[in-house]
Amino acid sequence: MGSEGLERALIGTLASCALCGPSAGWLGNYSPKPQIRESGLWLIQHLKAAPISPSQQELIAAAI
């Protein structure tokens, strides 16, 4: 897993989180890009990526 794979998985995890979301005052709510408004994230790459796998979770935990 390279840093790009981890970045992709982290973005996919946040984008798929049902409990996560921007605040009402987040400026991204006014973005002309629907992907930004709907995802609550400033970027649009990797929004549909698979979330962090258990093996990636172990690698992150071991690095801490």
C-alpha atoms as a PDB file:
ATOM      1  CA  MET A   1       0.000   0.000   0.000  1.00  0.00           C
ATOM      2  CA  GLY A   2       1.552   3.249  -1.119  1.00  0.00           C
ATOM      3  CA  SER A   3       0.602   6.675   0.113  1.00  0.00           C
ATOM      4  CA  GLU A   4      -1.741   7.084  -2.860  1.00  0.00           C
ATOM      5  CA  GLY A   5      -3.578   3.892  -1.904  1.00  0.00           C
ATOM      6  CA  LEU A   6      -3.960   5.087   1.657  1.00  0.00           C
ATOM      7  CA  GLU A   7      -5.135   8.516   0.513  1.00  0.00           C
ATOM      8  CA  ARG A   8      -7.687   6.884  -1.790  1.00  0.00           C
ATOM      9  CA  ALA A   9      -8.954   4.648   1.027  1.00  0.00           C
ATOM     10  CA  LEU A  10      -9.178   7.509   3.529  1.00  0.00           C
ATOM     11  CA  ILE A  11     -11.159   9.667   1.102  1.00  0.00           C
ATOM     12  CA  GLY A  12     -13.429   6.722   0.289  1.00  0.00           C
ATOM     13  CA  THR A  13     -13.963   6.104   3.998  1.00  0.00           C
ATOM     14  CA  LEU A  14     -14.923   9.699   4.720  1.00  0.00           C
ATOM     15  CA  ALA A  15     -17.120   9.977   1.642  1.00  0.00           C
ATOM     16  CA  SER A  16     -19.083   6.856   2.585  1.00  0.00           C
ATOM     17  CA  CYS A  17     -19.483   7.760   6.262  1.00  0.00           C
ATOM     18  CA  ALA A  18     -23.178   8.161   7.066  1.00  0.00           C
ATOM     19  CA  LEU A  19     -22.401   9.968  10.334  1.00  0.00           C
ATOM     20  CA  CYS A  20     -19.882  12.413   8.864  1.00  0.00           C
ATOM     21  CA  GLY A  21     -20.783  15.670   7.233  1.00  0.00           C
ATOM     22  CA  PRO A  22     -19.986  19.338   6.975  1.00  0.00           C
ATOM     23  CA  SER A  23     -21.301  22.001   9.290  1.00  0.00           C
ATOM     24  CA  ALA A  24     -24.142  24.248   8.135  1.00  0.00           C
ATOM     25  CA  GLY A  25     -21.657  27.102   7.674  1.00  0.00           C
ATOM     26  CA  TRP A  26     -19.162  25.125   5.569  1.00  0.00           C
ATOM     27  CA  LEU A  27     -18.260  27.131   2.472  1.00  0.00           C
ATOM     28  CA  GLY A  28     -18.335  23.997   0.311  1.00  0.00           C
ATOM     29  CA  ASN A  29     -22.127  24.091   0.565  1.00  0.00           C
ATOM     30  CA  TYR A  30     -21.938  26.928  -1.974  1.00  0.00           C
ATOM     31  CA  SER A  31     -19.637  25.141  -4.415  1.00  0.00           C
ATOM     32  CA  PRO A  32     -20.809  25.000  -8.037  1.00  0.00           C
ATOM     33  CA  LYS A  33     -19.671  21.345  -8.093  1.00  0.00           C
ATOM     34  CA  PRO A  34     -22.408  18.997  -6.849  1.00  0.00           C
ATOM     35  CA  GLN A  35     -19.838  16.350  -5.810  1.00  0.00           C
ATOM     36  CA  ILE A  36     -18.332  18.804  -3.319  1.00  0.00           C
ATOM     37  CA  ARG A  37     -21.703  19.894  -1.920  1.00  0.00           C
ATOM     38  CA  GLU A  38     -22.989  16.314  -1.634  1.00  0.00           C
ATOM     39  CA  SER A  39     -19.848  14.676  -0.248  1.00  0.00           C
ATOM     40  CA  GLY A  40     -18.902  17.361   2.247  1.00  0.00           C
ATOM     41  CA  LEU A  41     -15.300  17.155   1.032  1.00  0.00           C
ATOM     42  CA  TRP A  42     -13.346  19.768  -0.927  1.00  0.00           C
ATOM     43  CA  LEU A  43     -12.012  17.279  -3.437  1.00  0.00           C
ATOM     44  CA  ILE A  44     -13.762  15.034  -5.895  1.00  0.00           C
ATOM     45  CA  GLN A  45     -11.115  12.431  -6.703  1.00  0.00           C
ATOM     46  CA  HIS A  46     -11.559   9.044  -4.996  1.00  0.00           C
ATOM     47  CA  LEU A  47     -15.038   9.774  -3.585  1.00  0.00           C
ATOM     48  CA  LYS A  48     -16.205   6.341  -4.733  1.00  0.00           C
ATOM     49  CA  ALA A  49     -13.062   4.523  -3.603  1.00  0.00           C
ATOM     50  CA  ALA A  50     -13.340   1.536  -1.294  1.00  0.00           C
ATOM     51  CA  PRO A  51     -13.062   2.390   2.409  1.00  0.00           C
ATOM     52  CA  ILE A  52     -10.062   1.458   4.523  1.00  0.00           C
ATOM     53  CA  SER A  53      -9.606  -2.298   4.707  1.00  0.00           C
ATOM     54  CA  PRO A  54      -8.819  -4.164   7.930  1.00  0.00           C
ATOM     55  CA  SER A  55      -5.237  -4.715   6.757  1.00  0.00           C
ATOM     56  CA  GLN A  56      -4.841  -0.980   6.103  1.00  0.00           C
ATOM     57  CA  GLN A  57      -6.252  -0.278   9.574  1.00  0.00           C
ATOM     58  CA  GLU A  58      -3.578  -2.552  11.061  1.00  0.00           C
ATOM     59  CA  LEU A  59      -0.825  -0.760   9.132  1.00  0.00           C
ATOM     60  CA  ILE A  60      -2.065   2.618  10.367  1.00  0.00           C
ATOM     61  CA  ALA A  61      -2.310   1.394  13.946  1.00  0.00           C
ATOM     62  CA  ALA A  62       1.215  -0.058  13.768  1.00  0.00           C
ATOM     63  CA  ALA A  63       2.583   3.276  12.520  1.00  0.00           C
ATOM     64  CA  ILE A  64       1.156   5.226  15.440  1.00  0.00           C
END
